[in-house]
Amino acid sequence: MLAPDNLTRYGAHWLAPDPTVADVVDQYWYVSWNLGDQSVDQRIIDAPAVTLTVEEGDVPAPLVITGVQTRAWHRTIQGRGRVFAIRLRPAGLAVLGALSPQRLANTALPLTEELDAELHALMRRVAAHPTPQARAQAADEAIRARLADHRPSESGLLANRVVDELRSRLHRRTGDSLPAALHVSERTIQRCLRATLGRGPRWVGHRIRLQEVVLALTARPETDLATIAADLGFADQSHLSGAFRAACGLSPSAYRRSLETLING
């Protein structure tokens, strides 16, 4: 998310999935907020992933599925609430339900039984537990049971490997080409990513890099943009700024200024 952890009004935390479901789940995360009578228009650059959420409080729906978003998207956060999320690996969506990444692209939809009965049943089971830790455990158990007779496809597992390789290249300046590193053709890489995420490797790699920019801006507020650009493999600061603005309509400097406003209300 673009809005950072706000210690008094907004908190964000992460939980690792059990290793037995790691082909399906990338990460669990949860947030809570108490803004009183205020509202915040939050700009979000998502990871290139499908996300399932349980939402409570001042929220649009109790269960939501969010597809891969081409650009930053907006959400108004108001009052009080909390969200528990399951961020899926590329292989995960096909294991857990019948929806395609193309159907979900650039959407955040209420997850109803009519939309996908299997995903809806999974998230209702998760939502029945009161705490994030219990929900993560329930998700682990339900997904592990699902994996007994719904194994990830070879294409899905390859897409997982492609995303892992793209993440590993964030701080590397040299190395084999993506096809050479994975011992498959460029066309095979294109097919597996489009089948699981609806996007190609160039876009996915770019989005992973932008996510790291967001994390750096949030976690390293005193670090200059030129240093962040060099750390993350951008040609220079202007290339970082241009890519960030193109994705979310806000410059990195303007985003940093917004942090102070958000934290102090």
C-alpha atoms as a PDB file:
ATOM      1  CA  MET A   1       0.000   0.000   0.000  1.00  0.00           C
ATOM      2  CA  LEU A   2       1.082   3.562  -0.574  1.00  0.00           C
ATOM      3  CA  ALA A   3      -0.107   4.830   2.804  1.00  0.00           C
ATOM      4  CA  PRO A   4       2.443   3.802   5.457  1.00  0.00           C
ATOM      5  CA  ASP A   5       2.017   2.339   8.892  1.00  0.00           C
ATOM      6  CA  ASN A   6       0.530   5.081  11.070  1.00  0.00           C
ATOM      7  CA  LEU A   7       1.354   4.227  14.672  1.00  0.00           C
ATOM      8  CA  THR A   8      -1.655   5.947  16.239  1.00  0.00           C
ATOM      9  CA  ARG A   9      -4.333   5.885  13.554  1.00  0.00           C
ATOM     10  CA  TYR A  10      -3.309   3.152  11.138  1.00  0.00           C
ATOM     11  CA  GLY A  11      -1.354  -0.072  11.610  1.00  0.00           C
ATOM     12  CA  ALA A  12      -0.116  -2.617   9.065  1.00  0.00           C
ATOM     13  CA  HIS A  13       1.410  -6.030   9.782  1.00  0.00           C
ATOM     14  CA  TRP A  14       2.508  -9.110   7.854  1.00  0.00           C
ATOM     15  CA  LEU A  15       2.373 -12.857   8.529  1.00  0.00           C
ATOM     16  CA  ALA A  16       4.209 -15.584   6.627  1.00  0.00           C
ATOM     17  CA  PRO A  17       2.182 -18.523   5.306  1.00  0.00           C
ATOM     18  CA  ASP A  18       2.971 -22.068   6.332  1.00  0.00           C
ATOM     19  CA  PRO A  19       5.602 -23.548   3.963  1.00  0.00           C
ATOM     20  CA  THR A  20       3.114 -26.231   2.890  1.00  0.00           C
ATOM     21  CA  VAL A  21       0.970 -23.577   1.142  1.00  0.00           C
ATOM     22  CA  ALA A  22       3.815 -21.424  -0.182  1.00  0.00           C
ATOM     23  CA  ASP A  23       3.040 -22.340  -3.804  1.00  0.00           C
ATOM     24  CA  VAL A  24      -0.376 -20.698  -3.350  1.00  0.00           C
ATOM     25  CA  VAL A  25       0.077 -17.905  -0.772  1.00  0.00           C
ATOM     26  CA  ASP A  26       2.712 -15.197  -1.020  1.00  0.00           C
ATOM     27  CA  GLN A  27       1.852 -13.394   2.205  1.00  0.00           C
ATOM     28  CA  TYR A  28      -0.856 -12.677   4.745  1.00  0.00           C
ATOM     29  CA  TRP A  29      -1.209  -9.087   5.874  1.00  0.00           C
ATOM     30  CA  TYR A  30      -3.628  -7.170   8.046  1.00  0.00           C
ATOM     31  CA  VAL A  31      -4.377  -3.531   8.726  1.00  0.00           C
ATOM     32  CA  SER A  32      -6.529  -1.661  11.226  1.00  0.00           C
ATOM     33  CA  TRP A  33      -7.465   1.992  11.444  1.00  0.00           C
ATOM     34  CA  ASN A  34      -9.264   4.444  13.690  1.00  0.00           C
ATOM     35  CA  LEU A  35      -9.642   7.813  11.983  1.00  0.00           C
ATOM     36  CA  GLY A  36     -12.550   9.126  14.039  1.00  0.00           C
ATOM     37  CA  ASP A  37     -14.711  11.269  11.793  1.00  0.00           C
ATOM     38  CA  GLN A  38     -11.923  11.760   9.242  1.00  0.00           C
ATOM     39  CA  SER A  39     -11.440  10.060   5.886  1.00  0.00           C
ATOM     40  CA  VAL A  40      -8.254   9.486   3.872  1.00  0.00           C
ATOM     41  CA  ASP A  41      -8.105   9.026   0.109  1.00  0.00           C
ATOM     42  CA  GLN A  42      -5.378   6.413  -0.180  1.00  0.00           C
ATOM     43  CA  ARG A  43      -3.428   5.741  -3.366  1.00  0.00           C
ATOM     44  CA  ILE A  44      -2.351   2.126  -3.650  1.00  0.00           C
ATOM     45  CA  ILE A  45       0.287   0.504  -5.851  1.00  0.00           C
ATOM     46  CA  ASP A  46      -0.393  -3.187  -5.424  1.00  0.00           C
ATOM     47  CA  ALA A  47       2.017  -6.030  -5.910  1.00  0.00           C
ATOM     48  CA  PRO A  48       1.358  -7.903  -9.177  1.00  0.00           C
ATOM     49  CA  ALA A  49      -0.967 -10.380  -7.476  1.00  0.00           C
ATOM     50  CA  VAL A  50      -4.582 -11.281  -6.778  1.00  0.00           C
ATOM     51  CA  THR A  51      -5.627 -10.539  -3.189  1.00  0.00           C
ATOM     52  CA  LEU A  52      -8.496 -11.948  -1.096  1.00  0.00           C
ATOM     53  CA  THR A  53      -9.676  -9.890   1.886  1.00  0.00           C
ATOM     54  CA  VAL A  54     -11.922 -10.113   4.931  1.00  0.00           C
ATOM     55  CA  GLU A  55     -13.076  -6.569   5.757  1.00  0.00           C
ATOM     56  CA  GLU A  56     -14.836  -5.178   8.838  1.00  0.00           C
ATOM     57  CA  GLY A  57     -16.082  -1.765   9.920  1.00  0.00           C
ATOM     58  CA  ASP A  58     -16.506   1.148   7.507  1.00  0.00           C
ATOM     59  CA  VAL A  59     -15.792  -0.951   4.400  1.00  0.00           C
ATOM     60  CA  PRO A  60     -17.558  -1.539   1.068  1.00  0.00           C
ATOM     61  CA  ALA A  61     -18.052  -5.327   1.472  1.00  0.00           C
ATOM     62  CA  PRO A  62     -17.226  -8.042   4.024  1.00  0.00           C
ATOM     63  CA  LEU A  63     -15.349 -10.227   1.512  1.00  0.00           C
ATOM     64  CA  VAL A  64     -13.463  -8.783  -1.472  1.00  0.00           C
ATOM     65  CA  ILE A  65     -11.283 -10.082  -4.289  1.00  0.00           C
ATOM     66  CA  THR A  66      -8.883  -7.624  -5.943  1.00  0.00           C
ATOM     67  CA  GLY A  67      -7.277  -8.379  -9.281  1.00  0.00           C
ATOM     68  CA  VAL A  68      -3.979  -7.199 -10.717  1.00  0.00           C
ATOM     69  CA  GLN A  69      -4.175  -3.407 -11.080  1.00  0.00           C
ATOM     70  CA  THR A  70      -2.555  -1.711 -14.070  1.00  0.00           C
ATOM     71  CA  ARG A  71      -2.163   1.629 -12.288  1.00  0.00           C
ATOM     72  CA  ALA A  72      -2.398   2.900  -8.750  1.00  0.00           C
ATOM     73  CA  TRP A  73      -5.960   2.849  -7.492  1.00  0.00           C
ATOM     74  CA  HIS A  74      -7.795   4.837  -4.881  1.00  0.00           C
ATOM     75  CA  ARG A  75      -9.603   3.781  -1.759  1.00  0.00           C
ATOM     76  CA  THR A  76     -11.225   6.046   0.784  1.00  0.00           C
ATOM     77  CA  ILE A  77     -10.524   4.896   4.333  1.00  0.00           C
ATOM     78  CA  GLN A  78     -12.823   6.298   6.984  1.00  0.00           C
ATOM     79  CA  GLY A  79     -14.043   5.718  10.512  1.00  0.00           C
ATOM     80  CA  ARG A  80     -12.851   2.463  12.038  1.00  0.00           C
ATOM     81  CA  GLY A  81     -12.121  -0.860  10.444  1.00  0.00           C
ATOM     82  CA  ARG A  82      -9.769  -3.713   9.826  1.00  0.00           C
ATOM     83  CA  VAL A  83      -8.779  -5.942   6.915  1.00  0.00           C
ATOM     84  CA  PHE A  84      -7.174  -9.381   6.767  1.00  0.00           C
ATOM     85  CA  ALA A  85      -5.684 -10.234   3.378  1.00  0.00           C
ATOM     86  CA  ILE A  86      -4.342 -13.249   1.521  1.00  0.00           C
ATOM     87  CA  ARG A  87      -1.984 -12.217  -1.267  1.00  0.00           C
ATOM     88  CA  LEU A  88      -1.814 -15.082  -3.738  1.00  0.00           C
ATOM     89  CA  ARG A  89       1.125 -16.390  -5.686  1.00  0.00           C
ATOM     90  CA  PRO A  90       0.623 -16.530  -9.472  1.00  0.00           C
ATOM     91  CA  ALA A  91      -0.281 -20.236  -9.228  1.00  0.00           C
ATOM     92  CA  GLY A  92      -2.769 -19.665  -6.415  1.00  0.00           C
ATOM     93  CA  LEU A  93      -5.909 -18.365  -8.093  1.00  0.00           C
ATOM     94  CA  ALA A  94      -6.411 -21.451 -10.273  1.00  0.00           C
ATOM     95  CA  VAL A  95      -5.894 -23.736  -7.266  1.00  0.00           C
ATOM     96  CA  LEU A  96      -8.532 -22.048  -5.121  1.00  0.00           C
ATOM     97  CA  GLY A  97     -11.304 -21.142  -7.553  1.00  0.00           C
ATOM     98  CA  ALA A  98     -12.575 -20.750 -11.097  1.00  0.00           C
ATOM     99  CA  LEU A  99     -12.006 -17.042 -11.788  1.00  0.00           C
ATOM    100  CA  SER A 100      -9.447 -15.928 -14.359  1.00  0.00           C
ATOM    101  CA  PRO A 101      -6.973 -13.055 -13.923  1.00  0.00           C
ATOM    102  CA  GLN A 102      -8.505 -11.411 -16.995  1.00  0.00           C
ATOM    103  CA  ARG A 103     -11.935 -11.373 -15.321  1.00  0.00           C
ATOM    104  CA  LEU A 104     -10.438  -9.677 -12.266  1.00  0.00           C
ATOM    105  CA  ALA A 105      -8.065  -7.220 -13.974  1.00  0.00           C
ATOM    106  CA  ASN A 106      -8.357  -3.654 -12.632  1.00  0.00           C
ATOM    107  CA  THR A 107     -11.260  -4.572 -10.343  1.00  0.00           C
ATOM    108  CA  ALA A 108     -11.992  -4.957  -6.640  1.00  0.00           C
ATOM    109  CA  LEU A 109     -15.194  -7.005  -6.400  1.00  0.00           C
ATOM    110  CA  PRO A 110     -17.381  -8.193  -3.529  1.00  0.00           C
ATOM    111  CA  LEU A 111     -16.591 -11.888  -3.212  1.00  0.00           C
ATOM    112  CA  THR A 112     -20.007 -13.527  -3.307  1.00  0.00           C
ATOM    113  CA  GLU A 113     -21.093 -17.133  -3.700  1.00  0.00           C
ATOM    114  CA  GLU A 114     -22.414 -16.242  -7.146  1.00  0.00           C
ATOM    115  CA  LEU A 115     -19.042 -14.857  -8.244  1.00  0.00           C
ATOM    116  CA  ASP A 116     -17.044 -17.916  -7.126  1.00  0.00           C
ATOM    117  CA  ALA A 117     -18.518 -20.440  -4.706  1.00  0.00           C
ATOM    118  CA  GLU A 118     -15.212 -22.073  -3.757  1.00  0.00           C
ATOM    119  CA  LEU A 119     -13.362 -18.834  -3.025  1.00  0.00           C
ATOM    120  CA  HIS A 120     -16.383 -17.544  -1.121  1.00  0.00           C
ATOM    121  CA  ALA A 121     -16.499 -20.676   1.063  1.00  0.00           C
ATOM    122  CA  LEU A 122     -12.766 -20.393   1.776  1.00  0.00           C
ATOM    123  CA  MET A 123     -12.997 -16.771   2.869  1.00  0.00           C
ATOM    124  CA  ARG A 124     -16.096 -17.351   4.992  1.00  0.00           C
ATOM    125  CA  ARG A 125     -14.155 -20.060   6.816  1.00  0.00           C
ATOM    126  CA  VAL A 126     -11.269 -17.637   7.363  1.00  0.00           C
ATOM    127  CA  ALA A 127     -13.597 -14.809   8.457  1.00  0.00           C
ATOM    128  CA  ALA A 128     -15.155 -16.995  11.163  1.00  0.00           C
ATOM    129  CA  HIS A 129     -12.011 -16.584  13.286  1.00  0.00           C
ATOM    130  CA  PRO A 130     -11.537 -13.439  15.405  1.00  0.00           C
ATOM    131  CA  THR A 131      -7.823 -12.646  15.164  1.00  0.00           C
ATOM    132  CA  PRO A 132      -5.392 -12.235  12.254  1.00  0.00           C
ATOM    133  CA  GLN A 133      -3.225 -15.054  13.587  1.00  0.00           C
ATOM    134  CA  ALA A 134      -6.195 -17.420  13.821  1.00  0.00           C
ATOM    135  CA  ARG A 135      -7.303 -16.388  10.349  1.00  0.00           C
ATOM    136  CA  ALA A 136      -3.867 -17.101   8.928  1.00  0.00           C
ATOM    137  CA  GLN A 137      -3.898 -20.540  10.549  1.00  0.00           C
ATOM    138  CA  ALA A 138      -7.402 -21.224   9.217  1.00  0.00           C
ATOM    139  CA  ALA A 139      -6.305 -20.163   5.737  1.00  0.00           C
ATOM    140  CA  ASP A 140      -3.257 -22.438   5.939  1.00  0.00           C
ATOM    141  CA  GLU A 141      -5.453 -25.384   6.922  1.00  0.00           C
ATOM    142  CA  ALA A 142      -8.130 -24.760   4.284  1.00  0.00           C
ATOM    143  CA  ILE A 143      -5.617 -24.226   1.489  1.00  0.00           C
ATOM    144  CA  ARG A 144      -3.598 -27.273   2.529  1.00  0.00           C
ATOM    145  CA  ALA A 145      -6.769 -29.364   2.287  1.00  0.00           C
ATOM    146  CA  ARG A 146      -7.539 -27.864  -1.115  1.00  0.00           C
ATOM    147  CA  LEU A 147      -4.066 -28.747  -2.362  1.00  0.00           C
ATOM    148  CA  ALA A 148      -4.715 -32.431  -1.676  1.00  0.00           C
ATOM    149  CA  ASP A 149      -6.735 -32.680  -4.897  1.00  0.00           C
ATOM    150  CA  HIS A 150      -6.088 -29.357  -6.662  1.00  0.00           C
ATOM    151  CA  ARG A 151      -2.373 -29.190  -7.352  1.00  0.00           C
ATOM    152  CA  PRO A 152      -0.821 -26.095  -8.988  1.00  0.00           C
ATOM    153  CA  SER A 153      -0.288 -26.415 -12.718  1.00  0.00           C
ATOM    154  CA  GLU A 154       3.196 -26.571 -14.198  1.00  0.00           C
ATOM    155  CA  SER A 155       2.506 -23.218 -15.846  1.00  0.00           C
ATOM    156  CA  GLY A 156       1.493 -21.743 -12.496  1.00  0.00           C
ATOM    157  CA  LEU A 157       4.607 -23.038 -10.768  1.00  0.00           C
ATOM    158  CA  LEU A 158       6.751 -21.603 -13.554  1.00  0.00           C
ATOM    159  CA  ALA A 159       5.020 -18.236 -13.099  1.00  0.00           C
ATOM    160  CA  ASN A 160       5.930 -18.412  -9.394  1.00  0.00           C
ATOM    161  CA  ARG A 161       9.561 -18.988 -10.354  1.00  0.00           C
ATOM    162  CA  VAL A 162       9.501 -16.093 -12.816  1.00  0.00           C
ATOM    163  CA  VAL A 163       8.215 -13.698 -10.146  1.00  0.00           C
ATOM    164  CA  ASP A 164      10.822 -14.954  -7.670  1.00  0.00           C
ATOM    165  CA  GLU A 165      13.558 -14.407 -10.247  1.00  0.00           C
ATOM    166  CA  LEU A 166      12.314 -10.894 -11.039  1.00  0.00           C
ATOM    167  CA  ARG A 167      12.339 -10.033  -7.328  1.00  0.00           C
ATOM    168  CA  SER A 168      15.872 -11.371  -6.966  1.00  0.00           C
ATOM    169  CA  ARG A 169      17.072  -9.049  -9.751  1.00  0.00           C
ATOM    170  CA  LEU A 170      16.094  -5.815  -8.009  1.00  0.00           C
ATOM    171  CA  HIS A 171      19.588  -5.195  -6.664  1.00  0.00           C
ATOM    172  CA  ARG A 172      21.593  -6.998  -9.358  1.00  0.00           C
ATOM    173  CA  ARG A 173      23.214  -5.183 -12.253  1.00  0.00           C
ATOM    174  CA  THR A 174      24.310  -8.192 -14.304  1.00  0.00           C
ATOM    175  CA  GLY A 175      23.238 -11.765 -14.886  1.00  0.00           C
ATOM    176  CA  ASP A 176      21.688 -14.142 -17.370  1.00  0.00           C
ATOM    177  CA  SER A 177      18.612 -13.199 -19.338  1.00  0.00           C
ATOM    178  CA  LEU A 178      15.321 -14.322 -17.814  1.00  0.00           C
ATOM    179  CA  PRO A 179      14.878 -17.245 -20.269  1.00  0.00           C
ATOM    180  CA  ALA A 180      18.471 -18.368 -19.709  1.00  0.00           C
ATOM    181  CA  ALA A 181      18.143 -18.202 -15.924  1.00  0.00           C
ATOM    182  CA  LEU A 182      14.949 -20.274 -15.967  1.00  0.00           C
ATOM    183  CA  HIS A 183      15.904 -22.574 -18.871  1.00  0.00           C
ATOM    184  CA  VAL A 184      12.722 -21.843 -20.819  1.00  0.00           C
ATOM    185  CA  SER A 185      11.848 -19.708 -23.834  1.00  0.00           C
ATOM    186  CA  GLU A 186      10.696 -16.094 -23.740  1.00  0.00           C
ATOM    187  CA  ARG A 187       7.396 -17.210 -25.236  1.00  0.00           C
ATOM    188  CA  THR A 188       6.880 -19.753 -22.439  1.00  0.00           C
ATOM    189  CA  ILE A 189       7.497 -17.047 -19.841  1.00  0.00           C
ATOM    190  CA  GLN A 190       5.025 -14.736 -21.565  1.00  0.00           C
ATOM    191  CA  ARG A 191       2.366 -17.452 -21.667  1.00  0.00           C
ATOM    192  CA  CYS A 192       2.664 -18.507 -18.034  1.00  0.00           C
ATOM    193  CA  LEU A 193       2.501 -14.948 -16.686  1.00  0.00           C
ATOM    194  CA  ARG A 194      -0.416 -13.947 -18.892  1.00  0.00           C
ATOM    195  CA  ALA A 195      -2.285 -17.100 -17.865  1.00  0.00           C
ATOM    196  CA  THR A 196      -1.807 -16.412 -14.139  1.00  0.00           C
ATOM    197  CA  LEU A 197      -1.480 -12.618 -13.787  1.00  0.00           C
ATOM    198  CA  GLY A 198      -2.794 -11.310 -17.093  1.00  0.00           C
ATOM    199  CA  ARG A 199       0.425  -9.357 -17.767  1.00  0.00           C
ATOM    200  CA  GLY A 200       3.837 -10.013 -19.324  1.00  0.00           C
ATOM    201  CA  PRO A 201       7.259 -10.197 -17.633  1.00  0.00           C
ATOM    202  CA  ARG A 202       8.350  -6.649 -18.458  1.00  0.00           C
ATOM    203  CA  TRP A 203       5.293  -5.141 -16.786  1.00  0.00           C
ATOM    204  CA  VAL A 204       5.481  -7.521 -13.809  1.00  0.00           C
ATOM    205  CA  GLY A 205       9.157  -6.716 -13.242  1.00  0.00           C
ATOM    206  CA  HIS A 206       8.442  -2.987 -13.461  1.00  0.00           C
ATOM    207  CA  ARG A 207       5.617  -3.244 -10.928  1.00  0.00           C
ATOM    208  CA  ILE A 208       7.791  -5.222  -8.504  1.00  0.00           C
ATOM    209  CA  ARG A 209      10.397  -2.462  -8.758  1.00  0.00           C
ATOM    210  CA  LEU A 210       7.802   0.255  -8.093  1.00  0.00           C
ATOM    211  CA  GLN A 211       6.640  -1.641  -5.011  1.00  0.00           C
ATOM    212  CA  GLU A 212      10.208  -1.499  -3.733  1.00  0.00           C
ATOM    213  CA  VAL A 213      10.258   2.256  -4.373  1.00  0.00           C
ATOM    214  CA  VAL A 214       7.152   2.625  -2.200  1.00  0.00           C
ATOM    215  CA  LEU A 215       8.765   0.579   0.573  1.00  0.00           C
ATOM    216  CA  ALA A 216      11.958   2.631   0.366  1.00  0.00           C
ATOM    217  CA  LEU A 217      10.087   5.938   0.488  1.00  0.00           C
ATOM    218  CA  THR A 218       8.154   4.714   3.518  1.00  0.00           C
ATOM    219  CA  ALA A 219      10.954   3.005   5.455  1.00  0.00           C
ATOM    220  CA  ARG A 220      13.828   5.361   4.527  1.00  0.00           C
ATOM    221  CA  PRO A 221      12.356   8.876   4.715  1.00  0.00           C
ATOM    222  CA  GLU A 222      15.775  10.541   5.003  1.00  0.00           C
ATOM    223  CA  THR A 223      17.352   8.764   2.008  1.00  0.00           C
ATOM    224  CA  ASP A 224      17.630  10.916  -1.111  1.00  0.00           C
ATOM    225  CA  LEU A 225      15.892   9.813  -4.295  1.00  0.00           C
ATOM    226  CA  ALA A 226      19.147   9.456  -6.219  1.00  0.00           C
ATOM    227  CA  THR A 227      20.343   6.816  -3.745  1.00  0.00           C
ATOM    228  CA  ILE A 228      17.047   4.923  -3.918  1.00  0.00           C
ATOM    229  CA  ALA A 229      17.165   5.060  -7.720  1.00  0.00           C
ATOM    230  CA  ALA A 230      20.677   3.606  -7.752  1.00  0.00           C
ATOM    231  CA  ASP A 231      19.793   0.914  -5.205  1.00  0.00           C
ATOM    232  CA  LEU A 232      16.811  -0.265  -7.256  1.00  0.00           C
ATOM    233  CA  GLY A 233      18.416  -0.257 -10.676  1.00  0.00           C
ATOM    234  CA  PHE A 234      16.919   2.909 -12.190  1.00  0.00           C
ATOM    235  CA  ALA A 235      19.163   4.811 -14.595  1.00  0.00           C
ATOM    236  CA  ASP A 236      18.889   7.920 -12.426  1.00  0.00           C
ATOM    237  CA  GLN A 237      16.552   9.886 -10.180  1.00  0.00           C
ATOM    238  CA  SER A 238      14.551  11.332 -13.079  1.00  0.00           C
ATOM    239  CA  HIS A 239      13.764   7.851 -14.413  1.00  0.00           C
ATOM    240  CA  LEU A 240      12.542   6.775 -10.972  1.00  0.00           C
ATOM    241  CA  SER A 241      10.395   9.900 -10.630  1.00  0.00           C
ATOM    242  CA  GLY A 242       8.919   9.496 -14.092  1.00  0.00           C
ATOM    243  CA  ALA A 243       8.027   5.842 -13.550  1.00  0.00           C
ATOM    244  CA  PHE A 244       6.491   6.567 -10.148  1.00  0.00           C
ATOM    245  CA  ARG A 245       4.421   9.478 -11.437  1.00  0.00           C
ATOM    246  CA  ALA A 246       3.224   7.475 -14.450  1.00  0.00           C
ATOM    247  CA  ALA A 247       1.971   4.702 -12.174  1.00  0.00           C
ATOM    248  CA  CYS A 248       0.253   6.713  -9.458  1.00  0.00           C
ATOM    249  CA  GLY A 249      -0.053  10.315 -10.639  1.00  0.00           C
ATOM    250  CA  LEU A 250       2.128  11.557  -7.799  1.00  0.00           C
ATOM    251  CA  SER A 251       5.836  12.321  -7.684  1.00  0.00           C
ATOM    252  CA  PRO A 252       7.994  10.564  -5.058  1.00  0.00           C
ATOM    253  CA  SER A 253       8.638  13.917  -3.372  1.00  0.00           C
ATOM    254  CA  ALA A 254       4.924  14.713  -3.219  1.00  0.00           C
ATOM    255  CA  TYR A 255       4.262  11.263  -1.799  1.00  0.00           C
ATOM    256  CA  ARG A 256       6.856  11.840   0.898  1.00  0.00           C
ATOM    257  CA  ARG A 257       5.215  15.148   1.800  1.00  0.00           C
ATOM    258  CA  SER A 258       1.887  13.354   2.079  1.00  0.00           C
ATOM    259  CA  LEU A 259       3.369  11.029   4.700  1.00  0.00           C
ATOM    260  CA  GLU A 260       3.769  13.888   7.142  1.00  0.00           C
ATOM    261  CA  THR A 261       0.172  14.931   6.604  1.00  0.00           C
ATOM    262  CA  LEU A 262      -1.107  11.389   7.060  1.00  0.00           C
ATOM    263  CA  ILE A 263       0.918  10.694  10.197  1.00  0.00           C
ATOM    264  CA  ASN A 264       0.027  13.967  11.893  1.00  0.00           C
ATOM    265  CA  GLY A 265      -3.590  14.076  10.719  1.00  0.00           C
END
